[in-house]
């Protein structure tokens, strides 16, 4: 409202002959003179984010594509991995072995008073080997029956010791034994170097079956912290533990997420960006008419003029005209505003033409004076000749008057006339010189 009041004051202050021109609408909040609704949109650029996920483990905002890859197999582990979609699980057996000590001496003790053994054989790689043996409370010729043969007659072994000629791995040794009586306890001891430190041993109870024992059936009697892990069976080592290990690989799909990077403000259009049709605002603007007051009759009477003196406005503008201030006449002036151009008539009425004519007259007189001065010598010569001629005439007339005794009045008149002419010429020359 303050701005409107200011415009009204300006209108009344300007010359009553001035005319108002509507130029442009300017925004105002409280005066509903003109309204305009502008729809502005939120613009954005698309930034594509790619990531690989196991199917079903992707965030909801990501969309699955057809591209995929398999991961490398994981490290082997004891714990079986969880089942997942497209997961491939491999498994393997793990064998923990302990290195056997080579042996050379063997002992068997049987808790029986009478003949009870139908068969007892000591074999290395399924063959009998050379050995030295001794036995306490054994049947006569017992060594004949300690071989890989079937016998139907029982013999007695109470305490039998065997000393082999070479060292052998325990896995190479087997025992075959059969009793004809049930419930007899017997023990087998295996030694490394001598019969003092037991390396492997086991206690058994007889039945009526033929039994074949190897090192797996014995207990280790020595300490060994060194274990060997293998992934297949090895009969040349002692198995301590077996378990399964697992390794897996997963199938990863490529997922995409298009992130919208929004421009910070709402715009009508924006190069290089995508319009979000669902995200917009509507701006409503109100306008009032901004005025420009220009004098109806523009008269320029002086060279020091300013075309801006004939207009009152708060709008920016420029001027253009064809005015020639040196010549009186009618011209055109243009007041150029951003949205409108107003053309007005201008009258130029100054003293420039009169001053110019005076200057031209003075210039002409000056030229004339210059011409007179340039010819002054000639004029002076003419005057001198005229004076000389006058003197001759006077002298001649005097002689004639004396001789003829004529009346002297005419001669006097002629002389006065000639002198008057000379005097006028001299005055004219002096005047011209003074003007110059």
Protein backbone atom coordinates (compact mmCIF):
# COMPACT_ATOMS: atom_id res chain seq x y z
CA UNK A 1 0.00 0.00 0.00
CA UNK A 2 2.90 2.36 0.72
CA UNK A 3 4.14 1.87 -2.81
CA UNK A 4 0.72 2.68 -4.28
CA UNK A 5 0.45 5.87 -2.18
CA UNK A 6 3.90 6.90 -3.36
CA UNK A 7 2.87 6.43 -6.97
CA UNK A 8 -0.26 8.58 -6.40
CA UNK A 9 1.83 11.39 -4.88
CA UNK A 10 4.20 11.26 -7.87
CA UNK A 11 1.29 11.52 -10.29
CA UNK A 12 -0.09 14.68 -8.66
CA UNK A 13 3.35 16.26 -8.40
CA UNK A 14 4.01 15.95 -12.14
CA UNK A 15 2.86 18.63 -14.56
CA UNK A 16 -0.89 18.31 -15.12
CA UNK A 17 -0.27 18.00 -18.87
CA UNK A 18 1.77 14.80 -18.36
CA UNK A 19 0.37 11.43 -19.45
CA UNK A 20 0.63 8.06 -17.64
CA UNK A 21 1.64 4.86 -19.47
CA UNK A 22 1.18 1.34 -18.09
CA UNK A 23 4.48 -0.49 -18.49
CA UNK A 24 4.70 -3.70 -16.47
CA UNK A 25 3.07 -5.64 -13.64
CA UNK A 26 5.02 -5.92 -10.44
CA UNK A 27 4.29 -8.40 -7.62
CA UNK A 28 2.41 -7.27 -4.54
CA UNK A 29 1.07 -9.43 -1.72
CA UNK A 30 -2.15 -7.73 -0.63
CA UNK A 31 -3.58 -6.17 -3.78
CA UNK A 32 -5.35 -8.59 -6.11
CA UNK A 33 -5.07 -6.60 -9.32
CA UNK A 34 -3.69 -9.46 -11.39
CA UNK A 35 -2.97 -13.07 -10.44
CA UNK A 36 -0.81 -15.73 -12.04
CA UNK A 37 -0.41 -19.39 -11.16
CA UNK A 38 2.90 -21.05 -11.98
CA UNK A 39 3.36 -24.81 -11.69
CA UNK A 40 6.90 -25.75 -10.72
CA UNK A 41 8.27 -29.28 -10.60
CA UNK A 42 10.95 -31.06 -8.67
CA UNK A 43 13.69 -32.13 -11.06
CA UNK A 44 16.24 -34.87 -10.47
CA UNK A 45 19.11 -36.81 -11.96
CA UNK A 46 19.33 -40.58 -11.82
CA UNK A 47 22.34 -42.11 -10.08
CA UNK A 48 22.41 -45.87 -10.58
CA UNK A 49 23.83 -47.94 -7.70
CA UNK A 50 24.79 -51.55 -8.42
CA UNK A 51 25.35 -54.20 -5.77
CA UNK A 52 25.44 -58.00 -5.57
CA UNK A 53 23.28 -59.91 -3.10
CA UNK A 54 22.27 -63.48 -2.42
CA UNK A 55 18.78 -63.87 -3.76
CA UNK A 56 16.30 -62.87 -1.12
CA UNK A 57 18.83 -60.97 1.00
CA UNK A 58 18.68 -57.75 -0.97
CA UNK A 59 17.07 -54.57 0.41
CA UNK A 60 13.59 -53.98 -0.95
CA UNK A 61 14.62 -50.86 -2.84
CA UNK A 62 16.99 -52.89 -5.04
CA UNK A 63 15.70 -54.68 -8.13
CA UNK A 64 17.10 -58.00 -9.33
CA UNK A 65 18.72 -58.32 -12.77
CA UNK A 66 19.64 -61.43 -14.75
CA UNK A 67 23.39 -61.04 -14.16
CA UNK A 68 25.00 -63.17 -11.48
CA UNK A 69 28.26 -64.80 -10.40
CA UNK A 70 29.35 -67.54 -8.01
CA UNK A 71 31.64 -66.72 -5.16
CA UNK A 72 34.81 -68.66 -4.46
CA UNK A 73 34.46 -71.61 -2.15
CA UNK A 74 34.82 -70.73 1.50
CA UNK A 75 37.48 -72.05 3.79
CA UNK A 76 36.80 -75.57 5.06
CA UNK A 77 35.06 -75.60 8.43
CA UNK A 78 33.75 -78.19 10.85
CA UNK A 79 30.37 -76.55 11.32
CA UNK A 80 27.89 -77.29 8.60
CA UNK A 81 26.76 -74.03 6.96
CA UNK A 82 23.15 -72.96 6.86
CA UNK A 83 21.15 -73.77 3.80
CA UNK A 84 20.51 -70.83 1.52
CA UNK A 85 18.93 -70.44 -1.87
CA UNK A 86 21.35 -71.43 -4.65
CA UNK A 87 24.08 -72.26 -2.10
CA UNK A 88 26.35 -75.15 -3.08
CA UNK A 89 27.87 -77.09 -0.16
CA UNK A 90 30.82 -79.46 -0.46
CA UNK A 91 31.90 -81.86 2.29
CA UNK A 92 34.91 -84.08 2.95
CA UNK A 93 36.13 -86.56 5.54
CA UNK A 94 39.00 -85.50 7.72
CA UNK A 95 41.22 -88.09 9.33
CA UNK A 96 43.47 -87.23 12.22
CA UNK A 97 46.34 -89.66 12.42
CA UNK A 98 49.20 -90.25 14.76
CA UNK A 99 52.47 -91.57 13.47
CA UNK A 100 53.12 -95.17 14.46
CA UNK A 101 56.37 -96.08 16.15
CA UNK A 102 58.17 -98.97 14.56
CA UNK A 103 58.28 -102.06 16.73
CA UNK A 104 60.45 -105.15 17.16
CA UNK A 105 59.28 -107.11 20.22
CA UNK A 106 55.97 -108.77 21.01
CA UNK A 107 54.61 -110.55 24.09
CA UNK A 108 51.42 -112.52 24.75
CA UNK A 109 50.19 -113.57 28.18
CA UNK A 110 47.36 -116.11 28.56
CA UNK A 111 45.53 -116.71 31.83
CA UNK A 112 44.90 -120.46 31.33
CA UNK A 113 46.30 -123.55 33.13
CA UNK A 114 45.64 -126.11 30.42
CA UNK A 115 45.89 -126.30 26.69
CA UNK A 116 43.41 -123.88 25.21
CA UNK A 117 44.77 -122.31 22.02
CA UNK A 118 43.78 -123.90 18.80
CA UNK A 119 45.57 -121.37 16.63
CA UNK A 120 47.99 -118.50 17.18
CA UNK A 121 49.82 -116.84 14.29
CA UNK A 122 52.03 -113.74 14.12
CA UNK A 123 52.19 -112.26 10.61
CA UNK A 124 53.96 -109.34 8.94
CA UNK A 125 52.21 -108.25 5.75
CA UNK A 126 50.37 -111.59 5.92
CA UNK A 127 53.58 -113.60 5.99
CA UNK A 128 55.55 -115.26 8.74
CA UNK A 129 58.91 -113.63 9.47
CA UNK A 130 62.06 -114.69 11.17
CA UNK A 131 62.11 -114.09 14.88
CA UNK A 132 63.62 -115.30 18.10
CA UNK A 133 61.14 -116.56 20.64
CA UNK A 134 61.07 -117.89 24.15
CA UNK A 135 58.13 -119.04 26.22
CA UNK A 136 57.41 -119.84 29.85
CA UNK A 137 54.94 -122.63 30.53
CA UNK A 138 54.26 -123.41 26.92
CA UNK A 139 53.54 -126.74 25.24
CA UNK A 140 56.48 -128.59 23.85
CA UNK A 141 57.28 -127.60 20.32
CA UNK A 142 54.92 -124.61 20.68
CA UNK A 143 56.69 -122.78 17.87
CA UNK A 144 55.38 -125.31 15.45
CA UNK A 145 51.89 -124.07 16.10
CA UNK A 146 52.68 -120.34 16.00
CA UNK A 147 52.24 -120.06 12.25
CA UNK A 148 49.50 -119.40 9.81
CA UNK A 149 48.09 -122.87 9.73
CA UNK A 150 44.93 -124.44 10.91
CA UNK A 151 45.29 -127.01 13.67
CA UNK A 152 42.63 -128.97 15.49
CA UNK A 153 44.73 -129.90 18.49
CA UNK A 154 45.06 -127.39 21.26
CA UNK A 155 48.37 -126.34 22.74
CA UNK A 156 49.41 -124.25 25.71
CA UNK A 157 50.95 -120.76 25.75
CA UNK A 158 51.41 -119.06 29.09
CA UNK A 159 53.92 -116.32 28.48
CA UNK A 160 55.34 -116.05 24.95
CA UNK A 161 57.92 -113.46 23.84
CA UNK A 162 58.93 -112.80 20.23
CA UNK A 163 61.90 -110.66 19.11
CA UNK A 164 61.83 -109.78 15.41
CA UNK A 165 64.92 -109.54 13.30
CA UNK A 166 63.90 -106.12 11.91
CA UNK A 167 61.79 -103.12 12.88
CA UNK A 168 58.30 -103.01 11.37
CA UNK A 169 55.45 -100.58 11.35
CA UNK A 170 52.66 -101.75 13.61
CA UNK A 171 50.28 -101.42 10.66
CA UNK A 172 52.22 -104.23 8.98
CA UNK A 173 51.61 -106.64 11.83
CA UNK A 174 48.59 -108.91 12.32
CA UNK A 175 47.65 -111.51 14.92
CA UNK A 176 45.41 -114.48 14.26
CA UNK A 177 44.14 -116.36 17.36
CA UNK A 178 41.42 -118.82 18.29
CA UNK A 179 40.62 -120.55 21.58
CA UNK A 180 38.68 -123.75 22.27
CA UNK A 181 37.50 -122.39 25.59
CA UNK A 182 35.41 -119.30 26.25
CA UNK A 183 36.17 -116.65 28.82
CA UNK A 184 39.95 -116.88 28.88
CA UNK A 185 41.61 -113.51 29.32
CA UNK A 186 44.74 -112.81 27.33
CA UNK A 187 46.90 -109.74 26.70
CA UNK A 188 49.13 -108.79 23.80
CA UNK A 189 51.97 -106.26 24.27
CA UNK A 190 54.01 -104.63 21.52
CA UNK A 191 57.35 -102.97 22.26
CA UNK A 192 59.61 -100.64 20.35
CA UNK A 193 63.14 -101.57 21.40
CA UNK A 194 62.99 -103.91 24.35
CA UNK A 195 60.52 -105.54 26.67
CA UNK A 196 60.59 -102.75 29.24
CA UNK A 197 58.45 -99.94 27.74
CA UNK A 198 55.15 -100.97 26.22
CA UNK A 199 54.29 -99.14 23.03
CA UNK A 200 50.91 -100.74 22.21
CA UNK A 201 48.79 -103.18 24.20
CA UNK A 202 45.34 -104.68 24.46
CA UNK A 203 43.48 -107.19 26.64
CA UNK A 204 40.95 -109.58 25.09
CA UNK A 205 38.54 -112.31 26.27
CA UNK A 206 38.29 -115.53 24.31
CA UNK A 207 35.28 -117.00 22.60
CA UNK A 208 35.03 -119.83 20.12
CA UNK A 209 35.62 -117.61 17.06
CA UNK A 210 38.76 -117.06 15.02
CA UNK A 211 39.96 -113.44 15.45
CA UNK A 212 42.39 -111.40 13.40
CA UNK A 213 43.76 -108.28 15.06
CA UNK A 214 45.73 -105.40 13.60
CA UNK A 215 47.15 -102.25 15.16
CA UNK A 216 43.77 -100.51 15.10
CA UNK A 217 42.62 -102.87 17.79
CA UNK A 218 45.38 -101.77 20.19
CA UNK A 219 45.78 -98.88 22.55
CA UNK A 220 48.71 -96.49 22.24
CA UNK A 221 50.78 -96.37 25.35
CA UNK A 222 53.10 -93.50 24.50
CA UNK A 223 52.52 -89.78 24.32
CA UNK A 224 52.70 -87.97 20.97
CA UNK A 225 51.59 -84.38 20.34
CA UNK A 226 52.21 -84.52 16.64
CA UNK A 227 49.05 -85.27 14.70
CA UNK A 228 48.66 -85.67 10.99
CA UNK A 229 45.53 -84.66 9.13
CA UNK A 230 44.66 -86.45 5.94
CA UNK A 231 41.64 -86.51 3.72
CA UNK A 232 41.79 -90.20 2.88
CA UNK A 233 42.42 -93.32 4.88
CA UNK A 234 45.98 -94.31 5.60
CA UNK A 235 46.52 -97.73 7.09
CA UNK A 236 50.12 -96.97 7.83
CA UNK A 237 49.19 -94.50 10.52
CA UNK A 238 47.06 -94.69 13.62
CA UNK A 239 43.69 -93.03 13.28
CA UNK A 240 42.85 -90.88 16.27
CA UNK A 241 39.81 -88.94 15.09
CA UNK A 242 37.62 -88.46 12.06
CA UNK A 243 35.09 -85.76 11.26
CA UNK A 244 33.57 -83.90 8.33
CA UNK A 245 34.49 -80.50 6.98
CA UNK A 246 32.35 -78.26 4.82
CA UNK A 247 32.98 -75.63 2.18
CA UNK A 248 30.39 -73.66 0.26
CA UNK A 249 29.89 -71.07 -2.45
CA UNK A 250 26.97 -68.74 -3.02
CA UNK A 251 25.26 -67.40 -6.09
CA UNK A 252 25.14 -63.60 -6.14
CA UNK A 253 22.73 -61.71 -8.36
CA UNK A 254 23.32 -58.16 -9.54
CA UNK A 255 20.77 -55.76 -8.08
CA UNK A 256 20.20 -52.18 -9.13
CA UNK A 257 18.89 -49.19 -7.29
CA UNK A 258 18.21 -45.91 -9.06
CA UNK A 259 18.73 -43.08 -6.61
CA UNK A 260 17.09 -39.77 -7.47
CA UNK A 261 19.36 -36.80 -6.81
CA UNK A 262 16.91 -33.91 -6.57
CA UNK A 263 17.68 -30.33 -7.48
CA UNK A 264 17.30 -28.22 -4.32
CA UNK A 265 14.51 -25.98 -5.65
CA UNK A 266 11.36 -26.35 -7.72
CA UNK A 267 11.66 -25.10 -11.28
CA UNK A 268 9.51 -24.71 -14.39
CA UNK A 269 12.15 -26.44 -16.51
CA UNK A 270 15.74 -27.51 -15.98
CA UNK A 271 18.18 -28.70 -18.63
CA UNK A 272 19.85 -32.03 -17.98
CA UNK A 273 17.33 -33.08 -15.32
CA UNK A 274 14.25 -35.31 -15.29
CA UNK A 275 10.90 -33.90 -14.24
CA UNK A 276 9.09 -35.63 -11.38
CA UNK A 277 5.50 -35.36 -12.54
CA UNK A 278 4.17 -36.27 -9.10
CA UNK A 279 6.22 -33.77 -7.12
CA UNK A 280 5.29 -30.16 -7.83
CA UNK A 281 4.17 -26.90 -6.24
CA UNK A 282 1.86 -24.16 -7.50
CA UNK A 283 3.00 -20.60 -6.94
CA UNK A 284 0.35 -17.88 -7.03
CA UNK A 285 1.56 -14.34 -7.70
CA UNK A 286 -0.29 -11.02 -7.42
CA UNK A 287 0.67 -7.97 -9.51
CA UNK A 288 -0.09 -4.25 -9.60
CA UNK A 289 0.51 -1.98 -12.60
CA UNK A 290 3.74 -0.01 -12.45
CA UNK A 291 3.42 3.43 -14.11
CA UNK A 292 5.65 5.67 -16.13
CA UNK A 293 4.58 9.37 -16.44
CA UNK A 294 5.94 11.20 -19.51
CA UNK A 295 5.31 14.87 -20.41
CA UNK A 296 2.82 15.15 -23.20
CA UNK A 297 4.70 17.97 -25.00
CA UNK A 298 8.46 17.85 -24.90
CA UNK A 299 10.19 21.13 -25.88
CA UNK A 300 13.97 21.45 -25.93
CA UNK A 301 15.27 25.03 -25.86
CA UNK A 302 18.82 24.56 -24.70
CA UNK A 303 21.78 22.41 -25.55
CA UNK A 304 22.10 21.18 -21.95
CA UNK A 305 19.09 18.88 -21.89
CA UNK A 306 18.49 15.39 -20.46
CA UNK A 307 15.75 13.17 -21.88
CA UNK A 308 15.29 11.61 -18.44
CA UNK A 309 13.99 14.92 -17.11
CA UNK A 310 10.72 14.43 -18.98
CA UNK A 311 9.75 11.08 -17.35
CA UNK A 312 8.86 9.91 -13.83
CA UNK A 313 9.05 6.15 -13.11
CA UNK A 314 10.66 3.57 -10.84
CA UNK A 315 11.23 1.14 -13.71
CA UNK A 316 14.58 0.77 -15.46
CA UNK A 317 14.61 2.13 -19.00
CA UNK A 318 16.82 3.37 -21.84
CA UNK A 319 16.33 6.20 -24.37
CA UNK A 320 16.87 6.51 -28.11
CA UNK A 321 16.29 9.58 -30.34
CA UNK A 322 17.16 11.24 -33.65
CA UNK A 323 17.52 14.75 -32.18
CA UNK A 324 19.93 17.22 -33.87
CA UNK A 325 20.21 20.06 -31.36
CA UNK A 326 21.87 22.31 -33.94
CA UNK A 327 18.68 22.43 -36.00
CA UNK A 328 15.26 23.48 -34.83
CA UNK A 329 12.48 21.11 -35.75
CA UNK A 330 10.40 18.07 -34.76
CA UNK A 331 12.05 14.82 -33.72
CA UNK A 332 11.24 11.44 -32.14
CA UNK A 333 12.31 9.99 -28.80
CA UNK A 334 11.86 6.37 -27.60
CA UNK A 335 11.63 5.35 -23.95
CA UNK A 336 12.58 1.67 -23.96
CA UNK A 337 11.36 -0.48 -21.02
CA UNK A 338 11.94 -4.23 -20.58
CA UNK A 339 8.39 -5.03 -21.71
CA UNK A 340 7.31 -1.96 -23.64
CA UNK A 341 8.62 0.94 -25.80
CA UNK A 342 6.93 4.38 -25.86
CA UNK A 343 7.61 6.85 -28.67
CA UNK A 344 7.06 10.59 -28.16
CA UNK A 345 7.35 13.73 -30.33
CA UNK A 346 10.07 16.23 -29.40
CA UNK A 347 10.34 19.86 -30.60
CA UNK A 348 13.73 21.54 -30.69
CA UNK A 349 13.59 25.37 -30.56
CA UNK A 350 16.86 27.06 -29.69
CA UNK A 351 18.86 30.24 -30.80
CA UNK A 352 21.45 28.13 -32.50
CA UNK A 353 20.32 29.05 -36.04
CA UNK A 354 20.34 32.86 -35.30
CA UNK A 355 23.73 32.56 -33.66
CA UNK A 356 24.92 30.61 -36.64
CA UNK A 357 23.70 33.33 -39.08
CA UNK A 358 25.48 36.00 -37.02
CA UNK A 359 28.63 33.96 -37.06
CA UNK A 360 28.34 33.59 -40.83
CA UNK A 361 27.84 37.43 -41.22
CA UNK A 362 30.85 38.17 -39.06
CA UNK A 363 32.87 35.73 -41.04
CA UNK A 364 31.79 37.42 -44.27
CA UNK A 365 32.70 40.91 -42.93
CA UNK A 366 36.03 39.62 -41.79
CA UNK A 367 36.68 38.37 -45.27
CA UNK A 368 35.79 41.76 -46.69
CA UNK A 369 38.09 43.59 -44.24
CA UNK A 370 40.89 41.25 -45.11
CA UNK A 371 40.34 42.06 -48.75
CA UNK A 372 40.38 45.85 -48.03
CA UNK A 373 43.54 45.60 -45.95
CA UNK A 374 45.21 43.52 -48.59
CA UNK A 375 44.52 46.28 -51.11
CA UNK A 376 45.40 49.28 -48.88
CA UNK A 377 48.71 49.91 -50.59
CA UNK A 378 46.99 50.18 -53.88
CA UNK A 379 44.46 52.61 -52.40
CA UNK A 380 47.20 54.71 -50.79
CA UNK A 381 49.03 54.86 -54.09
CA UNK A 382 45.88 56.00 -55.78
CA UNK A 383 45.40 58.71 -53.12
CA UNK A 384 48.96 59.88 -53.49
CA UNK A 385 48.51 60.05 -57.25
CA UNK A 386 45.28 61.96 -56.74
CA UNK A 387 47.02 64.46 -54.44
CA UNK A 388 49.86 64.85 -56.91
CA UNK A 389 47.39 65.42 -59.70
CA UNK A 390 45.59 67.93 -57.48
CA UNK A 391 48.80 69.86 -56.84
CA UNK A 392 49.57 69.95 -60.56
CA UNK A 393 46.06 71.13 -61.31
CA UNK A 394 46.28 73.84 -58.64
CA UNK A 395 49.67 74.98 -59.91
CA UNK A 396 48.47 75.06 -63.46
CA UNK A 397 45.32 76.91 -62.55
CA UNK A 398 47.31 79.46 -60.58
CA UNK A 399 49.58 80.18 -63.54
CA UNK A 400 46.59 80.45 -65.80
CA UNK A 401 44.87 82.82 -63.35
CA UNK A 402 47.93 84.99 -63.17
CA UNK A 403 48.42 85.04 -66.87
CA UNK A 404 44.80 85.30 -67.88
CA UNK A 405 43.65 87.06 -64.73
CA UNK A 406 40.60 84.90 -64.59
CA UNK A 407 38.18 84.61 -61.64
CA UNK A 408 39.73 82.35 -58.90
CA UNK A 409 36.45 81.07 -57.40
CA UNK A 410 36.04 77.88 -59.55
CA UNK A 411 39.53 76.74 -58.76
CA UNK A 412 38.88 77.04 -55.06
CA UNK A 413 35.71 75.00 -55.31
CA UNK A 414 37.45 72.23 -57.19
CA UNK A 415 40.17 72.09 -54.59
CA UNK A 416 37.69 71.86 -51.70
CA UNK A 417 35.76 69.04 -53.43
CA UNK A 418 38.90 67.00 -54.03
CA UNK A 419 40.01 67.39 -50.48
CA UNK A 420 36.59 66.26 -49.22
CA UNK A 421 36.77 63.12 -51.28
CA UNK A 422 40.22 62.28 -49.93
CA UNK A 423 39.06 62.92 -46.39
CA UNK A 424 36.10 60.54 -46.74
CA UNK A 425 38.25 57.83 -48.17
CA UNK A 426 40.71 58.14 -45.30
CA UNK A 427 37.88 57.96 -42.73
CA UNK A 428 36.48 54.83 -44.36
CA UNK A 429 39.86 53.12 -44.28
CA UNK A 430 40.37 53.94 -40.60
CA UNK A 431 36.89 52.63 -39.71
CA UNK A 432 37.53 49.33 -41.46
CA UNK A 433 40.86 48.96 -39.69
CA UNK A 434 39.24 49.65 -36.32
CA UNK A 435 36.50 47.01 -36.96
CA UNK A 436 39.11 44.44 -37.73
